[in-house]
Amino acid sequence: MRHSFGHEQTVTKRRRHVSWFAVFFMACALFLISHPVLAQQGIPLATVTPQPNGASSYSLNVQTLLLLTALTFFPAALLMMTSFTRIIIVLSLLRMALGTQTSPPNQVLIGIALFLTFFIMAPVFDRIYQEAWVPYQNDTLPFEAAAEKAAEPLKAFMLAQVRENDLRLFADLAQTPAVEKPESLPLRVIVPAFLTSELKTAFQIGFVIFLPFLIIDMIVASVLMSMGMMMVSPILVALPFKLLVFVLVDGWTLLVGSLVRSFGL
């Protein structure tokens, strides 16, 4: 009975919120319809101007709306077309190799991966700013041409990291016509090929990271078994030794430096 009464209260609150939202929406609609200035002149939110060559030029409001919509896909673009994927996977595998469950925490790993991504992608972002954004801001380049200009540095970065067999695979799956150079391929072929290559590279680096810590785990487990200490967890005993070795060899500097150099910097 108590559960049913609480459920009825939750449903009543939800209906009340929905009713208030409906009233607010209807009031806004009546205001827009009944306002004399808006009724006479309308709201010029979207203006499409035909061009002589058959194309269309969109108003600044529409371009701003498209830009704000594109910003919502920025996290996905950060994962797909930058170095973020490789870095965050390697850092996660390092934490697993050390045996620390939640240290460093996820927020710290994501922060490190973000700043390293911005550092690695800085030349690419500079090219996009100089070649695409500045001409578009100065009205010397239309929006469509600016978008194509912005894609060129990203394509160059991804093609420098992608494997040829992955690129050939997705080109065959997409049934794209033969091109003279990989830069002519569309992003729908380059991006998944880049992601597949990044996953392979990240797991290869993770394998190399795991090896020394795996050796330490095996040595500690063998010593404990020879001493008859079956009830002691080898992971718990090996953890301080792995941390000590990682700190003595300056592991963070080696790992970060290797990650940055793996992108050709």
Protein backbone atom coordinates (compact mmCIF):
# COMPACT_ATOMS: atom_id res chain seq x y z
CA MET A 1 0.00 0.00 0.00
CA ARG A 2 2.79 2.43 0.83
CA HIS A 3 4.54 1.64 -2.45
CA SER A 4 1.31 2.17 -4.40
CA PHE A 5 0.64 5.48 -2.64
CA GLY A 6 4.19 6.71 -3.38
CA HIS A 7 3.82 5.67 -7.01
CA GLU A 8 0.55 7.61 -7.28
CA GLN A 9 2.23 10.71 -5.84
CA THR A 10 5.09 10.41 -8.38
CA VAL A 11 2.61 10.08 -11.26
CA THR A 12 0.63 13.09 -9.96
CA LYS A 13 3.80 15.22 -9.79
CA ARG A 14 4.79 14.21 -13.31
CA ARG A 15 1.34 15.08 -14.64
CA ARG A 16 1.55 18.43 -12.87
CA HIS A 17 4.93 19.19 -14.47
CA VAL A 18 3.60 18.20 -17.90
CA SER A 19 0.52 20.36 -17.46
CA TRP A 20 2.61 23.38 -16.45
CA PHE A 21 4.84 22.85 -19.48
CA ALA A 22 1.80 22.63 -21.76
CA VAL A 23 0.38 25.86 -20.30
CA PHE A 24 3.71 27.65 -20.78
CA PHE A 25 4.00 26.42 -24.37
CA MET A 26 0.45 27.51 -25.21
CA ALA A 27 1.03 30.94 -23.65
CA CYS A 28 4.17 31.44 -25.74
CA ALA A 29 2.33 30.38 -28.89
CA LEU A 30 -0.59 32.75 -28.18
CA PHE A 31 1.86 35.60 -27.54
CA LEU A 32 3.62 35.03 -30.86
CA ILE A 33 0.35 34.81 -32.75
CA SER A 34 -1.38 37.75 -31.10
CA HIS A 35 1.59 40.16 -31.07
CA PRO A 36 0.84 42.77 -33.77
CA VAL A 37 4.45 43.39 -34.83
CA LEU A 38 5.29 39.70 -35.08
CA ALA A 39 2.02 38.98 -36.83
CA GLN A 40 2.72 41.59 -39.50
CA GLN A 41 6.46 41.14 -40.06
CA GLY A 42 7.05 37.53 -39.01
CA ILE A 43 10.23 36.14 -37.47
CA PRO A 44 13.08 35.93 -39.98
CA LEU A 45 14.76 32.94 -38.38
CA ALA A 46 15.68 31.20 -41.63
CA THR A 47 16.44 32.90 -44.91
CA VAL A 48 17.64 31.02 -47.97
CA THR A 49 18.97 33.07 -50.88
CA PRO A 50 19.35 31.34 -54.26
CA GLN A 51 22.70 31.79 -55.97
CA PRO A 52 23.35 32.17 -59.73
CA ASN A 53 25.05 28.76 -60.00
CA GLY A 54 22.05 26.94 -58.55
CA ALA A 55 23.36 26.76 -54.98
CA SER A 56 21.75 28.35 -51.92
CA SER A 57 23.12 30.75 -49.36
CA TYR A 58 21.79 30.42 -45.81
CA SER A 59 21.30 33.30 -43.43
CA LEU A 60 23.55 33.89 -40.45
CA ASN A 61 20.86 32.53 -38.10
CA VAL A 62 20.81 29.20 -39.91
CA GLN A 63 24.61 29.02 -39.99
CA THR A 64 24.74 29.77 -36.27
CA LEU A 65 22.16 27.05 -35.62
CA LEU A 66 24.19 24.57 -37.64
CA LEU A 67 27.34 25.55 -35.77
CA LEU A 68 25.70 25.11 -32.35
CA THR A 69 24.28 21.76 -33.47
CA ALA A 70 27.72 20.67 -34.59
CA LEU A 71 29.15 21.59 -31.18
CA THR A 72 26.91 18.93 -29.58
CA PHE A 73 28.85 16.32 -31.55
CA PHE A 74 32.19 17.66 -30.34
CA PRO A 75 32.74 14.88 -27.74
CA ALA A 76 32.11 12.22 -30.38
CA ALA A 77 34.44 13.99 -32.81
CA LEU A 78 37.06 14.22 -30.07
CA LEU A 79 36.87 10.44 -29.66
CA MET A 80 36.79 9.60 -33.36
CA MET A 81 39.18 11.98 -35.11
CA THR A 82 41.85 12.82 -32.54
CA SER A 83 44.47 11.07 -30.43
CA PHE A 84 42.12 10.74 -27.43
CA THR A 85 41.17 7.11 -28.11
CA ARG A 86 44.72 5.76 -28.04
CA ILE A 87 45.72 7.77 -24.97
CA ILE A 88 42.75 6.88 -22.77
CA ILE A 89 43.00 3.15 -23.62
CA VAL A 90 46.73 3.05 -22.81
CA LEU A 91 46.19 4.88 -19.52
CA SER A 92 43.39 2.47 -18.57
CA LEU A 93 45.57 -0.53 -19.38
CA LEU A 94 48.38 0.96 -17.29
CA ARG A 95 46.06 1.20 -14.30
CA MET A 96 45.05 -2.43 -14.79
CA ALA A 97 48.69 -3.51 -15.08
CA LEU A 98 49.59 -1.75 -11.85
CA GLY A 99 46.70 -3.45 -10.09
CA THR A 100 45.27 -0.26 -8.61
CA GLN A 101 41.52 -0.44 -8.97
CA THR A 102 40.52 3.22 -8.82
CA SER A 103 43.81 5.07 -8.64
CA PRO A 104 44.27 7.25 -10.59
CA PRO A 105 40.50 7.85 -10.76
CA ASN A 106 38.64 8.12 -14.05
CA GLN A 107 38.45 11.92 -13.83
CA VAL A 108 42.23 12.16 -13.59
CA LEU A 109 42.77 9.79 -16.52
CA ILE A 110 40.28 11.67 -18.68
CA GLY A 111 41.91 14.98 -17.73
CA ILE A 112 45.38 13.68 -18.66
CA ALA A 113 44.05 12.29 -21.94
CA LEU A 114 42.31 15.59 -22.78
CA PHE A 115 45.36 17.76 -22.16
CA LEU A 116 47.62 15.39 -24.08
CA THR A 117 45.09 15.39 -26.91
CA PHE A 118 45.08 19.20 -27.04
CA PHE A 119 48.89 19.17 -27.01
CA ILE A 120 49.15 16.65 -29.85
CA MET A 121 46.36 18.18 -31.92
CA ALA A 122 47.54 21.80 -31.49
CA PRO A 123 49.21 21.98 -34.96
CA VAL A 124 46.08 20.55 -36.58
CA PHE A 125 43.81 23.00 -34.74
CA ASP A 126 46.09 25.88 -35.73
CA ARG A 127 45.80 24.93 -39.39
CA ILE A 128 42.02 24.69 -39.12
CA TYR A 129 41.89 28.10 -37.49
CA GLN A 130 44.16 29.78 -40.04
CA GLU A 131 42.90 28.08 -43.19
CA ALA A 132 39.17 27.70 -42.45
CA TRP A 133 37.93 29.77 -39.53
CA VAL A 134 39.73 33.07 -40.24
CA PRO A 135 38.61 33.27 -43.92
CA TYR A 136 35.07 32.31 -42.93
CA GLN A 137 35.02 34.92 -40.17
CA ASN A 138 36.25 37.57 -42.64
CA ASP A 139 33.50 36.59 -45.13
CA THR A 140 36.08 35.60 -47.74
CA LEU A 141 35.09 31.92 -47.69
CA PRO A 142 31.56 30.43 -47.64
CA PHE A 143 30.49 27.98 -44.97
CA GLU A 144 30.64 24.88 -47.21
CA ALA A 145 34.14 25.69 -48.46
CA ALA A 146 35.30 26.45 -44.92
CA ALA A 147 34.02 23.05 -43.76
CA GLU A 148 35.97 21.35 -46.56
CA LYS A 149 39.09 23.32 -45.64
CA ALA A 150 38.71 22.33 -41.98
CA ALA A 151 38.48 18.64 -42.93
CA GLU A 152 41.80 18.63 -44.80
CA PRO A 153 44.12 18.90 -41.71
CA LEU A 154 42.07 16.25 -39.90
CA LYS A 155 42.33 13.92 -42.88
CA ALA A 156 46.09 14.45 -43.03
CA PHE A 157 46.45 13.65 -39.31
CA MET A 158 44.32 10.52 -39.47
CA LEU A 159 45.94 9.22 -42.65
CA ALA A 160 49.36 9.56 -40.99
CA GLN A 161 48.23 7.09 -38.29
CA VAL A 162 45.95 4.74 -40.22
CA ARG A 163 47.05 1.35 -41.51
CA GLU A 164 46.77 0.64 -45.20
CA ASN A 165 44.84 -2.62 -44.78
CA ASP A 166 42.24 -0.92 -42.54
CA LEU A 167 41.82 1.87 -45.08
CA ARG A 168 41.44 -0.65 -47.90
CA LEU A 169 38.90 -2.65 -45.88
CA PHE A 170 36.52 0.26 -45.28
CA ALA A 171 36.99 1.57 -48.80
CA ASP A 172 35.86 -1.83 -50.11
CA LEU A 173 32.95 -1.97 -47.66
CA ALA A 174 31.81 1.51 -48.70
CA GLN A 175 32.28 0.60 -52.40
CA THR A 176 34.01 3.88 -53.10
CA PRO A 177 35.52 4.39 -56.56
CA ALA A 178 39.26 4.07 -56.96
CA VAL A 179 41.20 7.22 -56.09
CA GLU A 180 44.73 8.29 -56.89
CA LYS A 181 45.62 9.32 -53.34
CA PRO A 182 44.09 8.51 -49.91
CA GLU A 183 43.34 12.20 -49.26
CA SER A 184 40.55 11.97 -51.83
CA LEU A 185 38.63 9.41 -49.76
CA PRO A 186 35.61 10.68 -47.79
CA LEU A 187 35.58 10.98 -44.03
CA ARG A 188 33.10 8.11 -43.70
CA VAL A 189 35.90 5.81 -44.88
CA ILE A 190 38.87 7.46 -43.16
CA VAL A 191 37.31 7.83 -39.68
CA PRO A 192 36.40 4.14 -39.04
CA ALA A 193 39.74 3.04 -40.51
CA PHE A 194 41.50 5.47 -38.17
CA LEU A 195 39.55 4.18 -35.17
CA THR A 196 40.40 0.56 -35.97
CA SER A 197 44.08 1.42 -36.35
CA GLU A 198 44.06 3.36 -33.08
CA LEU A 199 42.55 0.41 -31.21
CA LYS A 200 45.23 -1.92 -32.57
CA THR A 201 48.03 0.48 -31.70
CA ALA A 202 46.65 1.10 -28.20
CA PHE A 203 46.48 -2.62 -27.40
CA GLN A 204 49.99 -3.17 -28.74
CA ILE A 205 51.31 -0.47 -26.39
CA GLY A 206 49.25 -1.96 -23.57
CA PHE A 207 50.83 -5.38 -24.15
CA VAL A 208 54.31 -3.89 -23.83
CA ILE A 209 53.27 -2.09 -20.61
CA PHE A 210 51.82 -5.26 -19.10
CA LEU A 211 54.96 -7.40 -19.54
CA PRO A 212 57.21 -6.02 -16.73
CA PHE A 213 54.37 -5.91 -14.22
CA LEU A 214 53.35 -9.45 -15.17
CA ILE A 215 56.90 -10.62 -14.47
CA ILE A 216 56.79 -8.98 -11.02
CA ASP A 217 53.45 -10.73 -10.28
CA MET A 218 54.89 -14.11 -11.29
CA ILE A 219 58.04 -13.64 -9.18
CA VAL A 220 56.03 -12.64 -6.11
CA ALA A 221 53.60 -15.54 -6.59
CA SER A 222 56.49 -18.02 -6.91
CA VAL A 223 58.18 -16.71 -3.75
CA LEU A 224 54.96 -16.90 -1.77
CA MET A 225 54.31 -20.46 -2.92
CA SER A 226 57.85 -21.53 -2.04
CA MET A 227 57.39 -20.07 1.44
CA GLY A 228 54.08 -21.89 1.87
CA MET A 229 52.11 -18.67 2.21
CA MET A 230 49.15 -19.84 0.14
CA MET A 231 46.62 -17.63 1.90
CA VAL A 232 48.43 -14.37 1.10
CA SER A 233 47.23 -12.63 -2.05
CA PRO A 234 50.12 -12.23 -4.55
CA ILE A 235 48.44 -9.14 -6.02
CA LEU A 236 48.43 -7.40 -2.64
CA VAL A 237 52.10 -8.18 -2.05
CA ALA A 238 53.21 -7.29 -5.57
CA LEU A 239 51.41 -3.93 -5.63
CA PRO A 240 54.01 -1.94 -3.63
CA PHE A 241 56.86 -3.46 -5.65
CA LYS A 242 55.16 -2.50 -8.94
CA LEU A 243 54.57 1.02 -7.70
CA LEU A 244 58.19 1.29 -6.54
CA VAL A 245 59.55 0.10 -9.90
CA PHE A 246 57.20 2.41 -11.81
CA VAL A 247 58.32 5.41 -9.77
CA LEU A 248 62.03 4.55 -9.90
CA VAL A 249 62.09 4.33 -13.70
CA ASP A 250 60.06 7.58 -13.94
CA GLY A 251 57.21 5.71 -15.57
CA TRP A 252 54.86 8.63 -16.13
CA THR A 253 57.47 10.59 -18.07
CA LEU A 254 58.39 7.57 -20.17
CA LEU A 255 54.78 6.69 -20.90
CA VAL A 256 53.65 10.21 -21.76
CA GLY A 257 56.72 10.82 -23.89
CA SER A 258 56.22 7.55 -25.76
CA LEU A 259 52.55 8.31 -26.37
CA VAL A 260 53.30 11.76 -27.78
CA ARG A 261 56.14 10.45 -29.97
CA SER A 262 53.96 7.65 -31.29
CA PHE A 263 51.99 10.31 -33.20
CA GLY A 264 55.11 11.52 -34.98
CA LEU A 265 55.80 14.58 -32.81
